[in-house]
Amino acid sequence: MKRRLLIGAIGGILLIGATGVFVAIAEPGKGPAFIAGDQAVTEDQVRQKWQSEGYSNVQIVRHGRYFEAMGSKDGQTSKITVDSKTGRLGDDDDDDDD
């Protein structure tokens, strides 16, 4: 009886862990909202939002489901990645600053 209980407990723990990993993989782009609403956004919406925040020379390139936007503000160039399906900021793992 104890053996079945132990096997059941281990199985349950593994199932909960696997569910957590699946949810993390299935929901990319859960960064902060760039455009509110968790809805699909267009390149033009991303451009308008960034220009409304004071950026100029905004250039946008699409990489799969993400928009990569570059622009200038106060003499400095910045870059962001926006998930086109949710309007949320994506991870920017580029280490160009090293």
C-alpha atoms as a PDB file:
ATOM      1  CA  MET A   1       0.000   0.000   0.000  1.00  0.00           C
ATOM      2  CA  LYS A   2       2.807   2.408   0.874  1.00  0.00           C
ATOM      3  CA  ARG A   3       4.517   1.629  -2.405  1.00  0.00           C
ATOM      4  CA  ARG A   4       1.414   2.587  -4.441  1.00  0.00           C
ATOM      5  CA  LEU A   5       1.026   5.785  -2.471  1.00  0.00           C
ATOM      6  CA  LEU A   6       4.680   6.690  -3.065  1.00  0.00           C
ATOM      7  CA  ILE A   7       4.439   5.949  -6.796  1.00  0.00           C
ATOM      8  CA  GLY A   8       1.218   7.982  -7.017  1.00  0.00           C
ATOM      9  CA  ALA A   9       2.816  10.932  -5.215  1.00  0.00           C
ATOM     10  CA  ILE A  10       5.892  10.879  -7.477  1.00  0.00           C
ATOM     11  CA  GLY A  11       3.664  10.648 -10.560  1.00  0.00           C
ATOM     12  CA  GLY A  12       1.608  13.604  -9.371  1.00  0.00           C
ATOM     13  CA  ILE A  13       4.680  15.723  -8.765  1.00  0.00           C
ATOM     14  CA  LEU A  14       6.035  14.908 -12.230  1.00  0.00           C
ATOM     15  CA  LEU A  15       2.667  15.750 -13.814  1.00  0.00           C
ATOM     16  CA  ILE A  16       2.516  19.127 -12.064  1.00  0.00           C
ATOM     17  CA  GLY A  17       6.101  19.910 -13.119  1.00  0.00           C
ATOM     18  CA  ALA A  18       5.430  18.936 -16.731  1.00  0.00           C
ATOM     19  CA  THR A  19       2.292  21.109 -16.795  1.00  0.00           C
ATOM     20  CA  GLY A  20       4.298  24.109 -15.594  1.00  0.00           C
ATOM     21  CA  VAL A  21       6.892  23.626 -18.325  1.00  0.00           C
ATOM     22  CA  PHE A  22       4.167  23.273 -20.966  1.00  0.00           C
ATOM     23  CA  VAL A  23       2.458  26.491 -19.863  1.00  0.00           C
ATOM     24  CA  ALA A  24       5.780  28.375 -19.952  1.00  0.00           C
ATOM     25  CA  ILE A  25       6.461  27.157 -23.497  1.00  0.00           C
ATOM     26  CA  ALA A  26       2.903  27.673 -24.741  1.00  0.00           C
ATOM     27  CA  GLU A  27       2.707  31.306 -23.617  1.00  0.00           C
ATOM     28  CA  PRO A  28       5.706  33.191 -24.991  1.00  0.00           C
ATOM     29  CA  GLY A  29       5.796  36.959 -24.969  1.00  0.00           C
ATOM     30  CA  LYS A  30       4.285  37.505 -21.533  1.00  0.00           C
ATOM     31  CA  GLY A  31       6.427  40.556 -20.964  1.00  0.00           C
ATOM     32  CA  PRO A  32       5.027  43.951 -20.040  1.00  0.00           C
ATOM     33  CA  ALA A  33       2.297  45.317 -22.307  1.00  0.00           C
ATOM     34  CA  PHE A  34       3.592  47.711 -24.975  1.00  0.00           C
ATOM     35  CA  ILE A  35       0.132  48.104 -26.503  1.00  0.00           C
ATOM     36  CA  ALA A  36      -2.671  47.263 -24.060  1.00  0.00           C
ATOM     37  CA  GLY A  37      -5.287  44.649 -24.832  1.00  0.00           C
ATOM     38  CA  ASP A  38      -3.413  41.357 -25.350  1.00  0.00           C
ATOM     39  CA  GLN A  39      -4.559  41.405 -28.992  1.00  0.00           C
ATOM     40  CA  ALA A  40      -2.762  41.209 -32.309  1.00  0.00           C
ATOM     41  CA  VAL A  41      -1.023  44.436 -33.308  1.00  0.00           C
ATOM     42  CA  THR A  42       0.188  45.791 -36.629  1.00  0.00           C
ATOM     43  CA  GLU A  43       3.487  47.328 -37.632  1.00  0.00           C
ATOM     44  CA  ASP A  44       1.742  50.681 -37.968  1.00  0.00           C
ATOM     45  CA  GLN A  45       0.407  50.485 -34.388  1.00  0.00           C
ATOM     46  CA  VAL A  46       3.905  49.789 -33.065  1.00  0.00           C
ATOM     47  CA  ARG A  47       5.309  52.724 -35.084  1.00  0.00           C
ATOM     48  CA  GLN A  48       2.561  55.120 -33.905  1.00  0.00           C
ATOM     49  CA  LYS A  49       2.985  54.092 -30.266  1.00  0.00           C
ATOM     50  CA  TRP A  50       6.741  54.635 -30.318  1.00  0.00           C
ATOM     51  CA  GLN A  51       6.432  57.957 -32.143  1.00  0.00           C
ATOM     52  CA  SER A  52       3.873  59.085 -29.547  1.00  0.00           C
ATOM     53  CA  GLU A  53       6.524  58.358 -26.894  1.00  0.00           C
ATOM     54  CA  GLY A  54       8.936  60.736 -28.620  1.00  0.00           C
ATOM     55  CA  TYR A  55      10.970  58.397 -30.836  1.00  0.00           C
ATOM     56  CA  SER A  56      11.979  59.459 -34.333  1.00  0.00           C
ATOM     57  CA  ASN A  57      13.479  57.651 -37.317  1.00  0.00           C
ATOM     58  CA  VAL A  58      11.501  54.557 -36.289  1.00  0.00           C
ATOM     59  CA  GLN A  59      12.404  51.489 -38.347  1.00  0.00           C
ATOM     60  CA  ILE A  60      10.575  48.193 -37.946  1.00  0.00           C
ATOM     61  CA  VAL A  61      11.527  44.728 -39.164  1.00  0.00           C
ATOM     62  CA  ARG A  62       9.344  41.642 -38.750  1.00  0.00           C
ATOM     63  CA  HIS A  63      10.948  38.420 -37.494  1.00  0.00           C
ATOM     64  CA  GLY A  64       8.268  35.711 -37.477  1.00  0.00           C
ATOM     65  CA  ARG A  65       5.658  36.738 -34.937  1.00  0.00           C
ATOM     66  CA  TYR A  66       7.811  39.569 -33.532  1.00  0.00           C
ATOM     67  CA  PHE A  67       8.394  43.144 -34.622  1.00  0.00           C
ATOM     68  CA  GLU A  68      11.850  44.558 -33.930  1.00  0.00           C
ATOM     69  CA  ALA A  69      11.674  48.343 -33.723  1.00  0.00           C
ATOM     70  CA  MET A  70      14.596  50.758 -33.617  1.00  0.00           C
ATOM     71  CA  GLY A  71      14.367  54.488 -33.064  1.00  0.00           C
ATOM     72  CA  SER A  72      16.125  57.568 -31.727  1.00  0.00           C
ATOM     73  CA  LYS A  73      15.191  59.669 -28.711  1.00  0.00           C
ATOM     74  CA  ASP A  74      17.287  62.291 -26.941  1.00  0.00           C
ATOM     75  CA  GLY A  75      20.281  61.467 -29.146  1.00  0.00           C
ATOM     76  CA  GLN A  76      20.299  57.757 -28.272  1.00  0.00           C
ATOM     77  CA  THR A  77      19.193  54.794 -30.358  1.00  0.00           C
ATOM     78  CA  SER A  78      16.994  52.175 -28.712  1.00  0.00           C
ATOM     79  CA  LYS A  79      15.589  48.822 -29.804  1.00  0.00           C
ATOM     80  CA  ILE A  80      12.566  46.848 -28.643  1.00  0.00           C
ATOM     81  CA  THR A  81      10.908  43.595 -29.641  1.00  0.00           C
ATOM     82  CA  VAL A  82       7.096  43.418 -29.686  1.00  0.00           C
ATOM     83  CA  ASP A  83       5.028  40.229 -29.941  1.00  0.00           C
ATOM     84  CA  SER A  84       2.624  40.842 -32.847  1.00  0.00           C
ATOM     85  CA  LYS A  85       0.031  38.449 -31.395  1.00  0.00           C
ATOM     86  CA  THR A  86      -0.211  40.033 -27.929  1.00  0.00           C
ATOM     87  CA  GLY A  87       1.253  43.551 -28.171  1.00  0.00           C
ATOM     88  CA  ARG A  88       3.630  42.708 -25.329  1.00  0.00           C
ATOM     89  CA  LEU A  89       7.341  43.367 -25.180  1.00  0.00           C
ATOM     90  CA  GLY A  90       9.448  40.336 -25.990  1.00  0.00           C
ATOM     91  CA  ASP A  91      12.786  39.352 -24.564  1.00  0.00           C
ATOM     92  CA  ASP A  92      15.721  41.162 -26.067  1.00  0.00           C
ATOM     93  CA  ASP A  93      18.571  38.743 -25.445  1.00  0.00           C
ATOM     94  CA  ASP A  94      21.076  40.542 -27.666  1.00  0.00           C
ATOM     95  CA  ASP A  95      24.270  41.232 -25.780  1.00  0.00           C
ATOM     96  CA  ASP A  96      25.594  43.870 -28.185  1.00  0.00           C
ATOM     97  CA  ASP A  97      26.550  46.181 -25.308  1.00  0.00           C
ATOM     98  CA  ASP A  98      29.475  44.008 -24.088  1.00  0.00           C
END
